[in-house]
Amino acid sequence: MTYYRAEYQRNIAQVESPQGRYMKGKRQSTVEPVFGTLTQFMGLRKVNAIGLKQANKCMQLAAIAYNVKKYLKFIEKRTKSGAAMLGLFLDQKQP
């Protein structure tokens, strides 16, 4: 029993409502995997910056790195073999 029991109960009811479940699912599918990837695989455990501006720069750079990595995977999937890339390269060289 705590002083904030009413707030806890209200929050639990809000999360368990149909809209709350929908929003939780939406958040888990869009935002949380990105932060999980940044913290677990890309080494962003702590923002070593002083001030909000510097912290924003750090997060922007991390987001850019995440998006570039994702883009490179996308491009790699589109070119299935080295021969396809070679064909694209040779098509550009011919006058």
PDB file of N, CA and C in Angstrom:
ATOM      1  N   MET A   1       0.843  -1.181   0.000  1.00  0.00           N
ATOM      2  CA  MET A   1       0.000   0.000   0.000  1.00  0.00           C
ATOM      3  C   MET A   1       0.886   1.240   0.000  1.00  0.00           C
ATOM      4  N   THR A   2       0.635   2.082  -0.947  1.00  0.00           N
ATOM      5  CA  THR A   2       1.362   3.345  -0.995  1.00  0.00           C
ATOM      6  C   THR A   2       0.370   4.479  -1.118  1.00  0.00           C
ATOM      7  N   TYR A   3       0.882   5.668  -0.972  1.00  0.00           N
ATOM      8  CA  TYR A   3       0.068   6.862  -1.095  1.00  0.00           C
ATOM      9  C   TYR A   3      -0.450   7.022  -2.530  1.00  0.00           C
ATOM     10  N   TYR A   4       0.296   6.504  -3.495  1.00  0.00           N
ATOM     11  CA  TYR A   4      -0.045   6.671  -4.908  1.00  0.00           C
ATOM     12  C   TYR A   4      -0.829   5.497  -5.478  1.00  0.00           C
ATOM     13  N   ARG A   5      -1.455   4.707  -4.633  1.00  0.00           N
ATOM     14  CA  ARG A   5      -2.181   3.518  -5.097  1.00  0.00           C
ATOM     15  C   ARG A   5      -3.262   3.869  -6.121  1.00  0.00           C
ATOM     16  N   ALA A   6      -3.983   4.953  -5.914  1.00  0.00           N
ATOM     17  CA  ALA A   6      -5.044   5.336  -6.855  1.00  0.00           C
ATOM     18  C   ALA A   6      -4.459   5.627  -8.237  1.00  0.00           C
ATOM     19  N   GLU A   7      -3.313   6.299  -8.282  1.00  0.00           N
ATOM     20  CA  GLU A   7      -2.671   6.592  -9.570  1.00  0.00           C
ATOM     21  C   GLU A   7      -2.188   5.312 -10.245  1.00  0.00           C
ATOM     22  N   TYR A   8      -1.636   4.376  -9.450  1.00  0.00           N
ATOM     23  CA  TYR A   8      -1.210   3.093 -10.000  1.00  0.00           C
ATOM     24  C   TYR A   8      -2.398   2.344 -10.612  1.00  0.00           C
ATOM     25  N   GLN A   9      -3.487   2.302  -9.899  1.00  0.00           N
ATOM     26  CA  GLN A   9      -4.682   1.599 -10.387  1.00  0.00           C
ATOM     27  C   GLN A   9      -5.221   2.252 -11.661  1.00  0.00           C
ATOM     28  N   ARG A  10      -5.220   3.578 -11.698  1.00  0.00           N
ATOM     29  CA  ARG A  10      -5.701   4.293 -12.872  1.00  0.00           C
ATOM     30  C   ARG A  10      -4.796   4.006 -14.072  1.00  0.00           C
ATOM     31  N   ASN A  11      -3.487   3.973 -13.850  1.00  0.00           N
ATOM     32  CA  ASN A  11      -2.543   3.691 -14.913  1.00  0.00           C
ATOM     33  C   ASN A  11      -2.701   2.258 -15.417  1.00  0.00           C
ATOM     34  N   ILE A  12      -2.861   1.310 -14.525  1.00  0.00           N
ATOM     35  CA  ILE A  12      -3.041  -0.085 -14.923  1.00  0.00           C
ATOM     36  C   ILE A  12      -4.313  -0.244 -15.748  1.00  0.00           C
ATOM     37  N   ALA A  13      -5.394   0.402 -15.315  1.00  0.00           N
ATOM     38  CA  ALA A  13      -6.648   0.333 -16.070  1.00  0.00           C
ATOM     39  C   ALA A  13      -6.492   0.950 -17.452  1.00  0.00           C
ATOM     40  N   GLN A  14      -5.739   2.030 -17.545  1.00  0.00           N
ATOM     41  CA  GLN A  14      -5.547   2.698 -18.823  1.00  0.00           C
ATOM     42  C   GLN A  14      -4.715   1.824 -19.768  1.00  0.00           C
ATOM     43  N   VAL A  15      -3.694   1.168 -19.256  1.00  0.00           N
ATOM     44  CA  VAL A  15      -2.852   0.318 -20.086  1.00  0.00           C
ATOM     45  C   VAL A  15      -3.602  -0.932 -20.530  1.00  0.00           C
ATOM     46  N   GLU A  16      -4.480  -1.461 -19.687  1.00  0.00           N
ATOM     47  CA  GLU A  16      -5.207  -2.682 -20.025  1.00  0.00           C
ATOM     48  C   GLU A  16      -6.454  -2.439 -20.862  1.00  0.00           C
ATOM     49  N   SER A  17      -6.809  -1.188 -21.108  1.00  0.00           N
ATOM     50  CA  SER A  17      -7.962  -0.899 -21.966  1.00  0.00           C
ATOM     51  C   SER A  17      -7.615  -1.253 -23.410  1.00  0.00           C
ATOM     52  N   PRO A  18      -8.601  -1.392 -24.289  1.00  0.00           N
ATOM     53  CA  PRO A  18      -8.312  -1.720 -25.694  1.00  0.00           C
ATOM     54  C   PRO A  18      -7.390  -0.695 -26.362  1.00  0.00           C
ATOM     55  N   GLN A  19      -7.624   0.589 -26.100  1.00  0.00           N
ATOM     56  CA  GLN A  19      -6.756   1.603 -26.694  1.00  0.00           C
ATOM     57  C   GLN A  19      -5.346   1.523 -26.111  1.00  0.00           C
ATOM     58  N   GLY A  20      -5.242   1.241 -24.817  1.00  0.00           N
ATOM     59  CA  GLY A  20      -3.931   1.105 -24.183  1.00  0.00           C
ATOM     60  C   GLY A  20      -3.139  -0.060 -24.742  1.00  0.00           C
ATOM     61  N   ARG A  21      -3.814  -1.198 -24.973  1.00  0.00           N
ATOM     62  CA  ARG A  21      -3.141  -2.354 -25.564  1.00  0.00           C
ATOM     63  C   ARG A  21      -2.688  -2.054 -26.989  1.00  0.00           C
ATOM     64  N   TYR A  22      -3.537  -1.340 -27.736  1.00  0.00           N
ATOM     65  CA  TYR A  22      -3.179  -0.965 -29.104  1.00  0.00           C
ATOM     66  C   TYR A  22      -1.946  -0.065 -29.111  1.00  0.00           C
ATOM     67  N   MET A  23      -1.945   0.955 -28.240  1.00  0.00           N
ATOM     68  CA  MET A  23      -0.817   1.882 -28.188  1.00  0.00           C
ATOM     69  C   MET A  23       0.461   1.180 -27.742  1.00  0.00           C
ATOM     70  N   LYS A  24       0.362   0.250 -26.811  1.00  0.00           N
ATOM     71  CA  LYS A  24       1.535  -0.495 -26.349  1.00  0.00           C
ATOM     72  C   LYS A  24       2.104  -1.336 -27.489  1.00  0.00           C
ATOM     73  N   GLY A  25       1.239  -1.993 -28.234  1.00  0.00           N
ATOM     74  CA  GLY A  25       1.692  -2.778 -29.376  1.00  0.00           C
ATOM     75  C   GLY A  25       2.340  -1.917 -30.439  1.00  0.00           C
ATOM     76  N   LYS A  26       1.759  -0.765 -30.692  1.00  0.00           N
ATOM     77  CA  LYS A  26       2.304   0.154 -31.692  1.00  0.00           C
ATOM     78  C   LYS A  26       3.685   0.643 -31.259  1.00  0.00           C
ATOM     79  N   ARG A  27       3.838   0.989 -29.987  1.00  0.00           N
ATOM     80  CA  ARG A  27       5.118   1.479 -29.468  1.00  0.00           C
ATOM     81  C   ARG A  27       6.176   0.378 -29.524  1.00  0.00           C
ATOM     82  N   GLN A  28       5.789  -0.843 -29.176  1.00  0.00           N
ATOM     83  CA  GLN A  28       6.749  -1.946 -29.183  1.00  0.00           C
ATOM     84  C   GLN A  28       7.203  -2.291 -30.598  1.00  0.00           C
ATOM     85  N   SER A  29       6.370  -2.030 -31.578  1.00  0.00           N
ATOM     86  CA  SER A  29       6.744  -2.387 -32.940  1.00  0.00           C
ATOM     87  C   SER A  29       7.490  -1.282 -33.658  1.00  0.00           C
ATOM     88  N   THR A  30       7.467  -0.055 -33.137  1.00  0.00           N
ATOM     89  CA  THR A  30       8.111   1.035 -33.868  1.00  0.00           C
ATOM     90  C   THR A  30       9.295   1.642 -33.136  1.00  0.00           C
ATOM     91  N   VAL A  31       9.148   2.008 -31.885  1.00  0.00           N
ATOM     92  CA  VAL A  31      10.175   2.775 -31.191  1.00  0.00           C
ATOM     93  C   VAL A  31      11.123   1.895 -30.391  1.00  0.00           C
ATOM     94  N   GLU A  32      10.611   0.983 -29.625  1.00  0.00           N
ATOM     95  CA  GLU A  32      11.445   0.225 -28.704  1.00  0.00           C
ATOM     96  C   GLU A  32      12.499  -0.640 -29.389  1.00  0.00           C
ATOM     97  N   PRO A  33      12.233  -1.266 -30.541  1.00  0.00           N
ATOM     98  CA  PRO A  33      13.314  -2.022 -31.187  1.00  0.00           C
ATOM     99  C   PRO A  33      14.500  -1.148 -31.600  1.00  0.00           C
ATOM    100  N   VAL A  34      14.222   0.092 -31.976  1.00  0.00           N
ATOM    101  CA  VAL A  34      15.307   0.994 -32.367  1.00  0.00           C
ATOM    102  C   VAL A  34      16.201   1.291 -31.175  1.00  0.00           C
ATOM    103  N   PHE A  35      15.597   1.643 -30.040  1.00  0.00           N
ATOM    104  CA  PHE A  35      16.399   1.923 -28.854  1.00  0.00           C
ATOM    105  C   PHE A  35      17.110   0.664 -28.369  1.00  0.00           C
ATOM    106  N   GLY A  36      16.473  -0.480 -28.493  1.00  0.00           N
ATOM    107  CA  GLY A  36      17.118  -1.726 -28.128  1.00  0.00           C
ATOM    108  C   GLY A  36      18.345  -1.997 -28.982  1.00  0.00           C
ATOM    109  N   THR A  37      18.235  -1.758 -30.280  1.00  0.00           N
ATOM    110  CA  THR A  37      19.369  -1.945 -31.176  1.00  0.00           C
ATOM    111  C   THR A  37      20.484  -0.968 -30.853  1.00  0.00           C
ATOM    112  N   LEU A  38      20.118   0.290 -30.596  1.00  0.00           N
ATOM    113  CA  LEU A  38      21.137   1.293 -30.278  1.00  0.00           C
ATOM    114  C   LEU A  38      21.878   0.948 -28.998  1.00  0.00           C
ATOM    115  N   THR A  39      21.161   0.478 -27.990  1.00  0.00           N
ATOM    116  CA  THR A  39      21.814   0.201 -26.717  1.00  0.00           C
ATOM    117  C   THR A  39      22.545  -1.132 -26.722  1.00  0.00           C
ATOM    118  N   GLN A  40      21.968  -2.161 -27.308  1.00  0.00           N
ATOM    119  CA  GLN A  40      22.552  -3.489 -27.225  1.00  0.00           C
ATOM    120  C   GLN A  40      23.655  -3.725 -28.251  1.00  0.00           C
ATOM    121  N   PHE A  41      23.459  -3.260 -29.475  1.00  0.00           N
ATOM    122  CA  PHE A  41      24.374  -3.624 -30.549  1.00  0.00           C
ATOM    123  C   PHE A  41      25.256  -2.483 -31.034  1.00  0.00           C
ATOM    124  N   MET A  42      24.852  -1.246 -30.809  1.00  0.00           N
ATOM    125  CA  MET A  42      25.625  -0.123 -31.328  1.00  0.00           C
ATOM    126  C   MET A  42      26.325   0.677 -30.226  1.00  0.00           C
ATOM    127  N   GLY A  43      26.270   0.207 -29.008  1.00  0.00           N
ATOM    128  CA  GLY A  43      27.074   0.791 -27.937  1.00  0.00           C
ATOM    129  C   GLY A  43      26.596   2.103 -27.366  1.00  0.00           C
ATOM    130  N   LEU A  44      25.337   2.429 -27.510  1.00  0.00           N
ATOM    131  CA  LEU A  44      24.834   3.693 -26.970  1.00  0.00           C
ATOM    132  C   LEU A  44      24.219   3.447 -25.597  1.00  0.00           C
ATOM    133  N   ARG A  45      25.040   3.065 -24.649  1.00  0.00           N
ATOM    134  CA  ARG A  45      24.552   2.797 -23.293  1.00  0.00           C
ATOM    135  C   ARG A  45      24.389   4.081 -22.498  1.00  0.00           C
ATOM    136  N   LYS A  46      25.287   5.011 -22.747  1.00  0.00           N
ATOM    137  CA  LYS A  46      25.265   6.252 -21.982  1.00  0.00           C
ATOM    138  C   LYS A  46      25.592   7.405 -22.923  1.00  0.00           C
ATOM    139  N   VAL A  47      24.896   8.513 -22.775  1.00  0.00           N
ATOM    140  CA  VAL A  47      25.188   9.690 -23.578  1.00  0.00           C
ATOM    141  C   VAL A  47      26.192  10.520 -22.794  1.00  0.00           C
ATOM    142  N   ASN A  48      27.423  10.541 -23.274  1.00  0.00           N
ATOM    143  CA  ASN A  48      28.482  11.286 -22.600  1.00  0.00           C
ATOM    144  C   ASN A  48      28.548  12.701 -23.162  1.00  0.00           C
ATOM    145  N   ALA A  49      27.567  13.475 -22.827  1.00  0.00           N
ATOM    146  CA  ALA A  49      27.520  14.852 -23.311  1.00  0.00           C
ATOM    147  C   ALA A  49      26.990  15.747 -22.192  1.00  0.00           C
ATOM    148  N   ILE A  50      27.456  16.973 -22.198  1.00  0.00           N
ATOM    149  CA  ILE A  50      26.993  17.940 -21.208  1.00  0.00           C
ATOM    150  C   ILE A  50      26.019  18.883 -21.908  1.00  0.00           C
ATOM    151  N   GLY A  51      24.822  18.945 -21.417  1.00  0.00           N
ATOM    152  CA  GLY A  51      23.823  19.845 -21.982  1.00  0.00           C
ATOM    153  C   GLY A  51      22.895  19.147 -22.943  1.00  0.00           C
ATOM    154  N   LEU A  52      21.734  19.730 -23.089  1.00  0.00           N
ATOM    155  CA  LEU A  52      20.702  19.163 -23.945  1.00  0.00           C
ATOM    156  C   LEU A  52      21.083  19.225 -25.423  1.00  0.00           C
ATOM    157  N   LYS A  53      21.721  20.303 -25.850  1.00  0.00           N
ATOM    158  CA  LYS A  53      22.127  20.418 -27.252  1.00  0.00           C
ATOM    159  C   LYS A  53      23.109  19.323 -27.639  1.00  0.00           C
ATOM    160  N   GLN A  54      24.088  19.091 -26.786  1.00  0.00           N
ATOM    161  CA  GLN A  54      25.085  18.054 -27.074  1.00  0.00           C
ATOM    162  C   GLN A  54      24.453  16.660 -27.061  1.00  0.00           C
ATOM    163  N   ALA A  55      23.527  16.435 -26.126  1.00  0.00           N
ATOM    164  CA  ALA A  55      22.843  15.142 -26.076  1.00  0.00           C
ATOM    165  C   ALA A  55      21.997  14.934 -27.325  1.00  0.00           C
ATOM    166  N   ASN A  56      21.348  15.991 -27.798  1.00  0.00           N
ATOM    167  CA  ASN A  56      20.569  15.891 -29.038  1.00  0.00           C
ATOM    168  C   ASN A  56      21.466  15.555 -30.224  1.00  0.00           C
ATOM    169  N   LYS A  57      22.646  16.167 -30.280  1.00  0.00           N
ATOM    170  CA  LYS A  57      23.585  15.846 -31.359  1.00  0.00           C
ATOM    171  C   LYS A  57      23.990  14.382 -31.312  1.00  0.00           C
ATOM    172  N   CYS A  58      24.253  13.896 -30.131  1.00  0.00           N
ATOM    173  CA  CYS A  58      24.649  12.494 -29.967  1.00  0.00           C
ATOM    174  C   CYS A  58      23.534  11.564 -30.441  1.00  0.00           C
ATOM    175  N   MET A  59      22.308  11.853 -30.067  1.00  0.00           N
ATOM    176  CA  MET A  59      21.175  11.017 -30.482  1.00  0.00           C
ATOM    177  C   MET A  59      20.941  11.115 -31.992  1.00  0.00           C
ATOM    178  N   GLN A  60      21.126  12.303 -32.563  1.00  0.00           N
ATOM    179  CA  GLN A  60      20.970  12.462 -34.013  1.00  0.00           C
ATOM    180  C   GLN A  60      22.006  11.625 -34.761  1.00  0.00           C
ATOM    181  N   LEU A  61      23.248  11.651 -34.280  1.00  0.00           N
ATOM    182  CA  LEU A  61      24.293  10.852 -34.924  1.00  0.00           C
ATOM    183  C   LEU A  61      24.005   9.358 -34.799  1.00  0.00           C
ATOM    184  N   ALA A  62      23.508   8.941 -33.647  1.00  0.00           N
ATOM    185  CA  ALA A  62      23.164   7.534 -33.466  1.00  0.00           C
ATOM    186  C   ALA A  62      22.024   7.137 -34.404  1.00  0.00           C
ATOM    187  N   ALA A  63      21.034   8.019 -34.560  1.00  0.00           N
ATOM    188  CA  ALA A  63      19.914   7.741 -35.457  1.00  0.00           C
ATOM    189  C   ALA A  63      20.387   7.667 -36.910  1.00  0.00           C
ATOM    190  N   ILE A  64      21.307   8.552 -37.290  1.00  0.00           N
ATOM    191  CA  ILE A  64      21.850   8.520 -38.649  1.00  0.00           C
ATOM    192  C   ILE A  64      22.598   7.210 -38.880  1.00  0.00           C
ATOM    193  N   ALA A  65      23.410   6.807 -37.905  1.00  0.00           N
ATOM    194  CA  ALA A  65      24.158   5.554 -38.038  1.00  0.00           C
ATOM    195  C   ALA A  65      23.202   4.369 -38.166  1.00  0.00           C
ATOM    196  N   TYR A  66      22.141   4.362 -37.375  1.00  0.00           N
ATOM    197  CA  TYR A  66      21.149   3.284 -37.436  1.00  0.00           C
ATOM    198  C   TYR A  66      20.491   3.246 -38.813  1.00  0.00           C
ATOM    199  N   ASN A  67      20.104   4.406 -39.325  1.00  0.00           N
ATOM    200  CA  ASN A  67      19.416   4.455 -40.621  1.00  0.00           C
ATOM    201  C   ASN A  67      20.345   4.084 -41.771  1.00  0.00           C
ATOM    202  N   VAL A  68      21.619   4.503 -41.699  1.00  0.00           N
ATOM    203  CA  VAL A  68      22.568   4.136 -42.751  1.00  0.00           C
ATOM    204  C   VAL A  68      22.791   2.630 -42.750  1.00  0.00           C
ATOM    205  N   LYS A  69      22.929   2.053 -41.569  1.00  0.00           N
ATOM    206  CA  LYS A  69      23.123   0.602 -41.471  1.00  0.00           C
ATOM    207  C   LYS A  69      21.909  -0.133 -42.049  1.00  0.00           C
ATOM    208  N   LYS A  70      20.722   0.343 -41.736  1.00  0.00           N
ATOM    209  CA  LYS A  70      19.501  -0.269 -42.253  1.00  0.00           C
ATOM    210  C   LYS A  70      19.418  -0.113 -43.774  1.00  0.00           C
ATOM    211  N   TYR A  71      19.798   1.056 -44.288  1.00  0.00           N
ATOM    212  CA  TYR A  71      19.775   1.310 -45.721  1.00  0.00           C
ATOM    213  C   TYR A  71      20.759   0.400 -46.454  1.00  0.00           C
ATOM    214  N   LEU A  72      21.952   0.220 -45.887  1.00  0.00           N
ATOM    215  CA  LEU A  72      22.935  -0.643 -46.530  1.00  0.00           C
ATOM    216  C   LEU A  72      22.460  -2.089 -46.595  1.00  0.00           C
ATOM    217  N   LYS A  73      21.766  -2.543 -45.558  1.00  0.00           N
ATOM    218  CA  LYS A  73      21.192  -3.896 -45.598  1.00  0.00           C
ATOM    219  C   LYS A  73      20.130  -3.997 -46.689  1.00  0.00           C
ATOM    220  N   PHE A  74      19.333  -2.935 -46.845  1.00  0.00           N
ATOM    221  CA  PHE A  74      18.290  -2.914 -47.858  1.00  0.00           C
ATOM    222  C   PHE A  74      18.896  -2.979 -49.256  1.00  0.00           C
ATOM    223  N   ILE A  75      19.936  -2.192 -49.497  1.00  0.00           N
ATOM    224  CA  ILE A  75      20.600  -2.182 -50.807  1.00  0.00           C
ATOM    225  C   ILE A  75      21.232  -3.547 -51.082  1.00  0.00           C
ATOM    226  N   GLU A  76      21.827  -4.144 -50.053  1.00  0.00           N
ATOM    227  CA  GLU A  76      22.469  -5.447 -50.223  1.00  0.00           C
ATOM    228  C   GLU A  76      21.445  -6.512 -50.615  1.00  0.00           C
ATOM    229  N   LYS A  77      20.242  -6.445 -50.053  1.00  0.00           N
ATOM    230  CA  LYS A  77      19.208  -7.421 -50.395  1.00  0.00           C
ATOM    231  C   LYS A  77      18.749  -7.257 -51.836  1.00  0.00           C
ATOM    232  N   ARG A  78      18.731  -6.014 -52.333  1.00  0.00           N
ATOM    233  CA  ARG A  78      18.253  -5.768 -53.693  1.00  0.00           C
ATOM    234  C   ARG A  78      19.224  -6.288 -54.733  1.00  0.00           C
ATOM    235  N   THR A  79      20.515  -6.249 -54.439  1.00  0.00           N
ATOM    236  CA  THR A  79      21.494  -6.809 -55.366  1.00  0.00           C
ATOM    237  C   THR A  79      21.849  -8.196 -54.866  1.00  0.00           C
ATOM    238  N   LYS A  80      21.311  -9.186 -55.500  1.00  0.00           N
ATOM    239  CA  LYS A  80      21.427 -10.552 -55.014  1.00  0.00           C
ATOM    240  C   LYS A  80      22.820 -11.133 -55.231  1.00  0.00           C
ATOM    241  N   SER A  81      23.526 -10.675 -56.269  1.00  0.00           N
ATOM    242  CA  SER A  81      24.846 -11.244 -56.511  1.00  0.00           C
ATOM    243  C   SER A  81      25.800 -10.141 -56.965  1.00  0.00           C
ATOM    244  N   GLY A  82      27.053 -10.471 -56.958  1.00  0.00           N
ATOM    245  CA  GLY A  82      28.061  -9.532 -57.442  1.00  0.00           C
ATOM    246  C   GLY A  82      27.928  -9.303 -58.931  1.00  0.00           C
ATOM    247  N   ALA A  83      27.411 -10.313 -59.649  1.00  0.00           N
ATOM    248  CA  ALA A  83      27.232 -10.180 -61.091  1.00  0.00           C
ATOM    249  C   ALA A  83      26.218  -9.082 -61.415  1.00  0.00           C
ATOM    250  N   ALA A  84      25.180  -8.971 -60.629  1.00  0.00           N
ATOM    251  CA  ALA A  84      24.185  -7.919 -60.858  1.00  0.00           C
ATOM    252  C   ALA A  84      24.813  -6.549 -60.663  1.00  0.00           C
ATOM    253  N   MET A  85      25.643  -6.404 -59.641  1.00  0.00           N
ATOM    254  CA  MET A  85      26.315  -5.131 -59.415  1.00  0.00           C
ATOM    255  C   MET A  85      27.285  -4.831 -60.551  1.00  0.00           C
ATOM    256  N   LEU A  86      27.986  -5.845 -61.027  1.00  0.00           N
ATOM    257  CA  LEU A  86      28.924  -5.660 -62.121  1.00  0.00           C
ATOM    258  C   LEU A  86      28.180  -5.220 -63.379  1.00  0.00           C
ATOM    259  N   GLY A  87      27.007  -5.809 -63.621  1.00  0.00           N
ATOM    260  CA  GLY A  87      26.200  -5.409 -64.773  1.00  0.00           C
ATOM    261  C   GLY A  87      25.769  -3.960 -64.684  1.00  0.00           C
ATOM    262  N   LEU A  88      25.372  -3.511 -63.499  1.00  0.00           N
ATOM    263  CA  LEU A  88      24.999  -2.113 -63.323  1.00  0.00           C
ATOM    264  C   LEU A  88      26.194  -1.198 -63.546  1.00  0.00           C
ATOM    265  N   PHE A  89      27.350  -1.630 -63.062  1.00  0.00           N
ATOM    266  CA  PHE A  89      28.554  -0.830 -63.208  1.00  0.00           C
ATOM    267  C   PHE A  89      28.946  -0.710 -64.671  1.00  0.00           C
ATOM    268  N   LEU A  90      28.880  -1.831 -65.427  1.00  0.00           N
ATOM    269  CA  LEU A  90      29.272  -1.806 -66.843  1.00  0.00           C
ATOM    270  C   LEU A  90      28.279  -1.016 -67.670  1.00  0.00           C
ATOM    271  N   ASP A  91      27.011  -1.022 -67.322  1.00  0.00           N
ATOM    272  CA  ASP A  91      26.013  -0.228 -68.040  1.00  0.00           C
ATOM    273  C   ASP A  91      26.292   1.253 -67.915  1.00  0.00           C
ATOM    274  N   GLN A  92      26.795   1.678 -66.802  1.00  0.00           N
ATOM    275  CA  GLN A  92      27.110   3.100 -66.598  1.00  0.00           C
ATOM    276  C   GLN A  92      28.350   3.508 -67.390  1.00  0.00           C
ATOM    277  N   LYS A  93      29.297   2.612 -67.592  1.00  0.00           N
ATOM    278  CA  LYS A  93      30.562   2.953 -68.257  1.00  0.00           C
ATOM    279  C   LYS A  93      30.399   3.083 -69.775  1.00  0.00           C
ATOM    280  N   GLN A  94      29.436   2.372 -70.363  1.00  0.00           N
ATOM    281  CA  GLN A  94      29.302   2.404 -71.827  1.00  0.00           C
ATOM    282  C   GLN A  94      28.721   3.741 -72.264  1.00  0.00           C
ATOM    283  N   PRO A  95      29.278   4.325 -73.352  1.00  0.00           N
ATOM    284  CA  PRO A  95      28.803   5.639 -73.832  1.00  0.00           C
ATOM    285  C   PRO A  95      27.484   5.579 -74.562  1.00  0.00           C
TER     286      PRO A  95
END
